[in-house]
């Protein structure tokens, strides 16, 4: 496995704290990335590469 990715809703600070705690790096915003309660929400994308932990 080379890349692990975590997506959290924009503005969800508690969920965004998890990937930050584990050293994931913020990459981008995925616009209208998830449908929830009949509304699309933007997502923050965090990732960790195999080479990041070496």
Protein backbone atom coordinates (compact mmCIF):
# COMPACT_ATOMS: atom_id res chain seq x y z
CA UNK A 1 0.00 0.00 0.00
CA UNK A 2 1.43 3.35 -1.03
CA UNK A 3 -1.25 5.89 -0.08
CA UNK A 4 -3.94 6.16 2.60
CA UNK A 5 -6.56 8.86 2.23
CA UNK A 6 -9.07 10.30 4.71
CA UNK A 7 -11.91 12.60 3.67
CA UNK A 8 -13.85 14.77 6.12
CA UNK A 9 -16.60 17.30 5.65
CA UNK A 10 -15.41 20.89 5.42
CA UNK A 11 -16.01 22.57 8.77
CA UNK A 12 -16.01 19.34 10.79
CA UNK A 13 -13.11 20.26 13.07
CA UNK A 14 -13.36 17.17 15.29
CA UNK A 15 -13.10 14.80 12.35
CA UNK A 16 -10.31 16.85 10.73
CA UNK A 17 -8.29 16.62 13.94
CA UNK A 18 -7.89 12.85 13.49
CA UNK A 19 -5.81 12.80 10.29
CA UNK A 20 -3.84 15.83 11.51
CA UNK A 21 -2.99 14.00 14.74
CA UNK A 22 -1.64 11.02 12.79
CA UNK A 23 0.50 13.17 10.49
CA UNK A 24 -1.67 13.11 7.38
CA UNK A 25 -1.09 16.02 5.01
CA UNK A 26 -3.92 18.22 3.76
CA UNK A 27 -4.13 17.98 -0.02
CA UNK A 28 -7.23 19.60 -1.45
CA UNK A 29 -10.96 20.25 -1.25
CA UNK A 30 -13.23 17.86 -3.13
CA UNK A 31 -16.17 20.04 -4.14
CA UNK A 32 -19.60 18.42 -3.72
CA UNK A 33 -17.84 15.18 -2.82
CA UNK A 34 -20.53 13.51 -0.75
CA UNK A 35 -24.31 13.40 -0.77
CA UNK A 36 -25.76 13.47 2.75
CA UNK A 37 -29.37 14.28 3.66
CA UNK A 38 -30.14 15.20 0.04
CA UNK A 39 -27.41 17.86 -0.03
CA UNK A 40 -23.88 17.72 -1.44
CA UNK A 41 -21.04 18.59 0.91
CA UNK A 42 -17.44 19.61 0.20
CA UNK A 43 -14.73 17.35 1.61
CA UNK A 44 -11.22 18.03 2.87
CA UNK A 45 -8.77 15.39 1.63
CA UNK A 46 -5.85 14.30 3.81
CA UNK A 47 -3.31 11.70 2.72
CA UNK A 48 -0.31 9.80 4.02
CA UNK A 49 2.21 8.23 1.67
CA UNK A 50 4.40 5.25 2.43
CA UNK A 51 7.43 7.52 2.01
CA UNK A 52 6.05 10.01 4.60
CA UNK A 53 6.63 7.54 7.45
CA UNK A 54 10.27 6.77 6.65
